[in-house]
């Protein structure tokens, strides 16, 4: 039960071993392909020259962090905004979870509590928080009571809705097809 994206194998390994890298991949997963979002923590670690550390990133000089994000190839389509968002999330991790991303989901009483914790992070609206809860449950074995209910439709077994459902090239294709259908339906609803 792990995440397998068509990215550098070392980037996938980092996502498996580093809760912070996984969380930051989710932070960056907007307005860019998921492969870009979830490989960027690995690239950031390479640019820093060591493993990611929430305390370091929380206190990093904001302009220097933007420079790391903007260095070609940029870590995100919006390097300035996303560098700030990563820093904000790391600051919350330091303030509430002793700088340890895994404590965000460790020892939660149930799925609703996990969803509340994730939703309290900067940039995590309901949908993004539910996707992350589903990702933790489906791929990383974080399965407190009622986690699927907290994850909403993203928690459905056999669904192909988000990064939580990607295990190989075929599942990635199915997730992309689902997202395209949702975009088309939303566009049609607007008229």
Protein backbone atom coordinates (compact mmCIF):
# COMPACT_ATOMS: atom_id res chain seq x y z
CA UNK A 1 0.00 0.00 0.00
CA UNK A 2 2.06 2.87 -1.28
CA UNK A 3 1.82 5.68 -3.74
CA UNK A 4 3.35 4.87 -7.12
CA UNK A 5 3.50 7.81 -9.49
CA UNK A 6 5.32 7.91 -12.83
CA UNK A 7 8.09 10.06 -11.35
CA UNK A 8 11.73 9.50 -10.42
CA UNK A 9 11.88 6.34 -8.28
CA UNK A 10 13.84 8.29 -5.65
CA UNK A 11 11.01 10.84 -5.51
CA UNK A 12 8.53 8.02 -4.85
CA UNK A 13 10.84 6.63 -2.15
CA UNK A 14 11.02 10.04 -0.49
CA UNK A 15 7.21 10.22 -0.40
CA UNK A 16 7.15 6.80 1.27
CA UNK A 17 9.72 7.58 3.95
CA UNK A 18 9.06 11.26 4.62
CA UNK A 19 5.65 12.31 5.95
CA UNK A 20 6.68 15.92 5.34
CA UNK A 21 7.46 15.26 1.67
CA UNK A 22 4.08 13.55 1.28
CA UNK A 23 2.26 16.45 2.91
CA UNK A 24 4.13 19.04 0.85
CA UNK A 25 3.32 17.10 -2.32
CA UNK A 26 -0.34 17.47 -1.40
CA UNK A 27 0.16 21.17 -0.65
CA UNK A 28 1.59 21.63 -4.15
CA UNK A 29 -1.09 19.51 -5.85
CA UNK A 30 -3.11 22.31 -7.43
CA UNK A 31 -2.99 23.78 -10.91
CA UNK A 32 -0.13 21.46 -11.89
CA UNK A 33 -0.08 17.77 -12.84
CA UNK A 34 0.05 15.53 -9.78
CA UNK A 35 3.39 14.13 -10.96
CA UNK A 36 4.87 17.62 -10.81
CA UNK A 37 3.36 18.32 -7.39
CA UNK A 38 4.53 15.09 -5.80
CA UNK A 39 8.02 15.12 -7.36
CA UNK A 40 8.71 18.70 -6.25
CA UNK A 41 9.48 17.79 -2.60
CA UNK A 42 12.29 15.57 -3.91
CA UNK A 43 13.63 18.38 -6.09
CA UNK A 44 13.39 20.77 -3.14
CA UNK A 45 15.37 18.35 -0.97
CA UNK A 46 18.02 18.12 -3.71
CA UNK A 47 18.25 21.90 -3.88
CA UNK A 48 18.58 22.13 -0.11
CA UNK A 49 21.19 19.38 -0.13
CA UNK A 50 19.47 17.27 2.56
CA UNK A 51 16.19 15.77 3.73
CA UNK A 52 13.28 18.15 4.23
CA UNK A 53 12.80 19.58 7.71
CA UNK A 54 9.68 21.48 8.74
CA UNK A 55 11.51 23.59 11.31
CA UNK A 56 14.08 24.68 8.74
CA UNK A 57 11.44 25.49 6.13
CA UNK A 58 9.27 27.32 8.67
CA UNK A 59 12.13 29.68 9.48
CA UNK A 60 13.67 29.88 6.02
CA UNK A 61 14.25 33.32 4.55
CA UNK A 62 11.09 33.82 2.44
CA UNK A 63 12.91 35.37 -0.53
CA UNK A 64 15.52 32.60 -0.53
CA UNK A 65 12.74 29.99 -0.43
CA UNK A 66 11.02 31.65 -3.39
CA UNK A 67 14.35 31.55 -5.22
CA UNK A 68 14.61 27.79 -4.56
CA UNK A 69 11.05 27.31 -5.87
CA UNK A 70 11.59 29.52 -8.93
CA UNK A 71 14.94 28.04 -9.98
CA UNK A 72 14.44 26.28 -13.33
CA UNK A 73 12.68 24.01 -13.55
CA UNK A 74 10.33 25.77 -11.15
CA UNK A 75 8.81 23.58 -8.47
CA UNK A 76 5.34 24.91 -9.24
CA UNK A 77 3.53 27.03 -11.77
CA UNK A 78 3.23 29.71 -9.06
CA UNK A 79 6.57 29.50 -7.23
CA UNK A 80 6.15 32.58 -5.05
CA UNK A 81 2.68 31.70 -3.78
CA UNK A 82 3.50 28.04 -3.25
CA UNK A 83 6.80 28.75 -1.47
CA UNK A 84 4.80 30.91 0.94
CA UNK A 85 2.15 28.20 1.34
CA UNK A 86 4.78 25.53 2.07
CA UNK A 87 6.33 27.83 4.66
CA UNK A 88 2.93 28.50 6.27
CA UNK A 89 2.17 24.77 6.49
CA UNK A 90 5.59 24.11 8.02
CA UNK A 91 5.02 26.88 10.55
CA UNK A 92 1.77 25.21 11.62
CA UNK A 93 3.61 21.88 11.90
CA UNK A 94 6.20 23.50 14.15
CA UNK A 95 3.59 25.28 16.30
CA UNK A 96 1.16 22.37 16.71
CA UNK A 97 3.05 19.15 15.93
CA UNK A 98 6.62 19.73 17.08
CA UNK A 99 7.72 20.01 13.44
CA UNK A 100 6.76 16.39 12.74
CA UNK A 101 4.27 15.98 9.90
CA UNK A 102 3.46 12.42 11.01
CA UNK A 103 2.07 13.80 14.28
CA UNK A 104 -0.66 15.44 12.20
CA UNK A 105 -2.25 12.01 11.78
CA UNK A 106 -0.69 10.04 14.64
CA UNK A 107 -3.04 8.91 17.37
CA UNK A 108 -6.13 10.62 15.98
CA UNK A 109 -9.32 9.36 17.62
CA UNK A 110 -11.20 8.93 14.34
CA UNK A 111 -11.58 10.01 10.73
CA UNK A 112 -13.47 13.22 11.53
CA UNK A 113 -10.64 14.33 13.85
CA UNK A 114 -8.10 13.57 11.13
CA UNK A 115 -10.13 15.58 8.63
CA UNK A 116 -10.36 18.49 11.09
CA UNK A 117 -6.60 18.47 11.62
CA UNK A 118 -5.83 18.39 7.90
CA UNK A 119 -8.50 21.01 7.15
CA UNK A 120 -6.85 23.37 9.65
CA UNK A 121 -3.70 23.55 7.50
CA UNK A 122 -3.23 26.61 5.26
CA UNK A 123 -4.59 25.94 1.77
CA UNK A 124 -6.51 22.80 2.69
CA UNK A 125 -10.14 23.26 1.83
CA UNK A 126 -12.66 20.46 2.27
CA UNK A 127 -11.85 18.68 -1.01
CA UNK A 128 -8.07 18.79 -0.61
CA UNK A 129 -8.35 17.66 3.01
CA UNK A 130 -10.61 14.75 2.03
CA UNK A 131 -8.20 13.71 -0.72
CA UNK A 132 -5.32 13.73 1.76
CA UNK A 133 -7.31 11.66 4.28
CA UNK A 134 -8.06 9.19 1.47
CA UNK A 135 -4.39 9.16 0.45
CA UNK A 136 -3.30 8.41 4.00
CA UNK A 137 -5.90 5.66 4.36
CA UNK A 138 -5.58 3.99 0.99
CA UNK A 139 -1.83 4.19 0.47
CA UNK A 140 -0.23 4.62 3.90
CA UNK A 141 -2.36 2.57 6.29
CA UNK A 142 -3.62 5.53 8.33
CA UNK A 143 -7.09 4.15 8.95
CA UNK A 144 -8.72 5.49 12.11
CA UNK A 145 -12.37 4.64 12.62
CA UNK A 146 -14.63 6.28 10.00
CA UNK A 147 -11.71 7.50 7.87
CA UNK A 148 -13.53 6.54 4.65
CA UNK A 149 -16.60 8.52 5.73
CA UNK A 150 -14.40 11.52 6.55
CA UNK A 151 -12.74 11.23 3.13
CA UNK A 152 -16.15 11.39 1.42
CA UNK A 153 -16.30 9.98 -2.09
CA UNK A 154 -12.49 9.98 -2.19
CA UNK A 155 -12.50 7.20 0.41
CA UNK A 156 -14.63 4.86 -1.69
CA UNK A 157 -12.85 1.57 -2.37
CA UNK A 158 -12.35 1.00 -6.07
CA UNK A 159 -12.74 4.70 -6.89
CA UNK A 160 -10.50 6.50 -9.36
CA UNK A 161 -10.95 10.10 -8.25
CA UNK A 162 -7.61 11.40 -6.98
CA UNK A 163 -3.96 10.78 -6.25
CA UNK A 164 -5.16 8.48 -3.45
CA UNK A 165 -6.19 5.98 -6.13
CA UNK A 166 -2.99 5.95 -8.18
CA UNK A 167 -1.09 2.67 -8.00
CA UNK A 168 0.11 2.27 -11.59
CA UNK A 169 -0.18 3.73 -15.10
CA UNK A 170 -3.70 2.36 -15.66
CA UNK A 171 -5.07 3.81 -12.42
CA UNK A 172 -3.41 7.14 -13.23
CA UNK A 173 -5.17 7.11 -16.62
CA UNK A 174 -8.51 6.34 -14.95
CA UNK A 175 -8.05 9.16 -12.41
CA UNK A 176 -7.26 11.58 -15.24
CA UNK A 177 -10.37 10.46 -17.15
CA UNK A 178 -12.50 11.01 -14.03
CA UNK A 179 -11.07 14.52 -13.55
CA UNK A 180 -11.74 15.37 -17.20
CA UNK A 181 -15.34 14.17 -16.84
CA UNK A 182 -15.79 16.32 -13.74
CA UNK A 183 -14.38 19.40 -15.49
CA UNK A 184 -16.64 18.82 -18.48
CA UNK A 185 -19.69 18.39 -16.23
CA UNK A 186 -18.83 21.59 -14.32
CA UNK A 187 -18.39 23.49 -17.58
CA UNK A 188 -21.70 22.16 -18.93
CA UNK A 189 -23.47 23.14 -15.71
CA UNK A 190 -22.27 26.73 -16.12
CA UNK A 191 -23.86 26.73 -19.56
